[in-house]
C-alpha cells in the first residue's frame, strides 16, 4: 500500500497542482482522511492509497442525485 507524506504528495495524488492552503483546508473539511504524523522533529500530514480511494468513492456517492 502506497503512503503519501506531506500535503504536496497528497494533493498531487488527488490531481491538484501546487500546495494551496485554502484547497487543503477544504479537503480536510470534506473529510479527507489525512493524519498528522511525526517525522523526526517535524510534524507532517500522511495518508495512504486505501484511505484516499475509500474517501473518493464516498465523495462520488454523495455527489450523485438521490436514488440514482
C-alpha atoms as a PDB file:
ATOM      1  CA  UNK A   1       0.000   0.000   0.000  1.00  0.00           C
ATOM      2  CA  UNK A   2       1.469   3.311  -1.043  1.00  0.00           C
ATOM      3  CA  UNK A   3       1.706   6.064   1.529  1.00  0.00           C
ATOM      4  CA  UNK A   4       1.746   9.782   0.824  1.00  0.00           C
ATOM      5  CA  UNK A   5       3.782  12.056   3.092  1.00  0.00           C
ATOM      6  CA  UNK A   6       3.104  15.795   3.083  1.00  0.00           C
ATOM      7  CA  UNK A   7       0.396  17.992   1.648  1.00  0.00           C
ATOM      8  CA  UNK A   8       2.116  18.277  -1.740  1.00  0.00           C
ATOM      9  CA  UNK A   9       2.222  14.492  -2.254  1.00  0.00           C
ATOM     10  CA  UNK A  10      -1.383  14.003  -1.120  1.00  0.00           C
ATOM     11  CA  UNK A  11      -2.688  16.837  -3.281  1.00  0.00           C
ATOM     12  CA  UNK A  12      -0.705  15.550  -6.281  1.00  0.00           C
ATOM     13  CA  UNK A  13      -2.347  12.137  -5.812  1.00  0.00           C
ATOM     14  CA  UNK A  14      -5.754  13.850  -5.862  1.00  0.00           C
ATOM     15  CA  UNK A  15      -4.882  15.730  -9.054  1.00  0.00           C
ATOM     16  CA  UNK A  16      -4.276  19.185  -7.596  1.00  0.00           C
ATOM     17  CA  UNK A  17      -1.217  21.193  -8.560  1.00  0.00           C
ATOM     18  CA  UNK A  18       0.713  23.308  -6.115  1.00  0.00           C
ATOM     19  CA  UNK A  19       0.349  23.474  -2.377  1.00  0.00           C
ATOM     20  CA  UNK A  20      -2.577  25.808  -1.754  1.00  0.00           C
ATOM     21  CA  UNK A  21      -3.543  26.051   1.932  1.00  0.00           C
ATOM     22  CA  UNK A  22      -7.127  27.039   1.122  1.00  0.00           C
ATOM     23  CA  UNK A  23      -7.658  23.947  -1.028  1.00  0.00           C
ATOM     24  CA  UNK A  24      -6.042  21.767   1.636  1.00  0.00           C
ATOM     25  CA  UNK A  25      -8.386  23.116   4.329  1.00  0.00           C
ATOM     26  CA  UNK A  26     -11.427  22.481   2.107  1.00  0.00           C
ATOM     27  CA  UNK A  27     -10.337  18.902   1.522  1.00  0.00           C
ATOM     28  CA  UNK A  28      -9.940  18.362   5.270  1.00  0.00           C
ATOM     29  CA  UNK A  29     -13.366  19.930   5.905  1.00  0.00           C
ATOM     30  CA  UNK A  30     -14.876  17.463   3.420  1.00  0.00           C
ATOM     31  CA  UNK A  31     -13.424  14.624   5.451  1.00  0.00           C
ATOM     32  CA  UNK A  32     -10.192  13.772   3.634  1.00  0.00           C
ATOM     33  CA  UNK A  33      -8.545  11.055   5.740  1.00  0.00           C
ATOM     34  CA  UNK A  34      -5.162  12.635   6.409  1.00  0.00           C
ATOM     35  CA  UNK A  35      -3.378  12.376   9.701  1.00  0.00           C
ATOM     36  CA  UNK A  36      -0.567  14.282  11.302  1.00  0.00           C
ATOM     37  CA  UNK A  37       2.475  12.099  11.820  1.00  0.00           C
ATOM     38  CA  UNK A  38       5.800  12.885  13.353  1.00  0.00           C
ATOM     39  CA  UNK A  39       8.790  12.609  11.030  1.00  0.00           C
ATOM     40  CA  UNK A  40      11.870  13.446  13.059  1.00  0.00           C
ATOM     41  CA  UNK A  41      11.486  16.879  14.623  1.00  0.00           C
ATOM     42  CA  UNK A  42       8.685  17.881  12.205  1.00  0.00           C
ATOM     43  CA  UNK A  43       5.020  17.020  12.021  1.00  0.00           C
ATOM     44  CA  UNK A  44       3.772  16.196   8.513  1.00  0.00           C
ATOM     45  CA  UNK A  45       0.466  15.075   7.016  1.00  0.00           C
ATOM     46  CA  UNK A  46       0.114  11.435   5.972  1.00  0.00           C
ATOM     47  CA  UNK A  47      -2.456   9.408   4.050  1.00  0.00           C
ATOM     48  CA  UNK A  48      -2.382   6.194   2.047  1.00  0.00           C
ATOM     49  CA  UNK A  49      -3.935   4.793  -1.105  1.00  0.00           C
ATOM     50  CA  UNK A  50      -6.663   2.744   0.622  1.00  0.00           C
ATOM     51  CA  UNK A  51      -7.894   5.708   2.678  1.00  0.00           C
ATOM     52  CA  UNK A  52      -7.896   8.067  -0.312  1.00  0.00           C
ATOM     53  CA  UNK A  53      -9.742   5.589  -2.559  1.00  0.00           C
ATOM     54  CA  UNK A  54     -12.416   4.990   0.079  1.00  0.00           C
ATOM     55  CA  UNK A  55     -12.847   8.751   0.550  1.00  0.00           C
ATOM     56  CA  UNK A  56     -13.095   9.326  -3.210  1.00  0.00           C
ATOM     57  CA  UNK A  57     -15.796   6.653  -3.527  1.00  0.00           C
ATOM     58  CA  UNK A  58     -17.742   8.238  -0.696  1.00  0.00           C
ATOM     59  CA  UNK A  59     -17.442  11.685  -2.280  1.00  0.00           C
ATOM     60  CA  UNK A  60     -18.677  10.285  -5.603  1.00  0.00           C
ATOM     61  CA  UNK A  61     -21.699   8.688  -3.915  1.00  0.00           C
ATOM     62  CA  UNK A  62     -22.542  11.899  -2.090  1.00  0.00           C
ATOM     63  CA  UNK A  63     -22.359  13.980  -5.262  1.00  0.00           C
ATOM     64  CA  UNK A  64     -24.815  11.742  -7.134  1.00  0.00           C
ATOM     65  CA  UNK A  65     -28.510  12.598  -7.106  1.00  0.00           C
ATOM     66  CA  UNK A  66     -30.519  10.609  -4.575  1.00  0.00           C
ATOM     67  CA  UNK A  67     -31.918   7.370  -5.958  1.00  0.00           C
ATOM     68  CA  UNK A  68     -29.569   7.012  -8.909  1.00  0.00           C
END
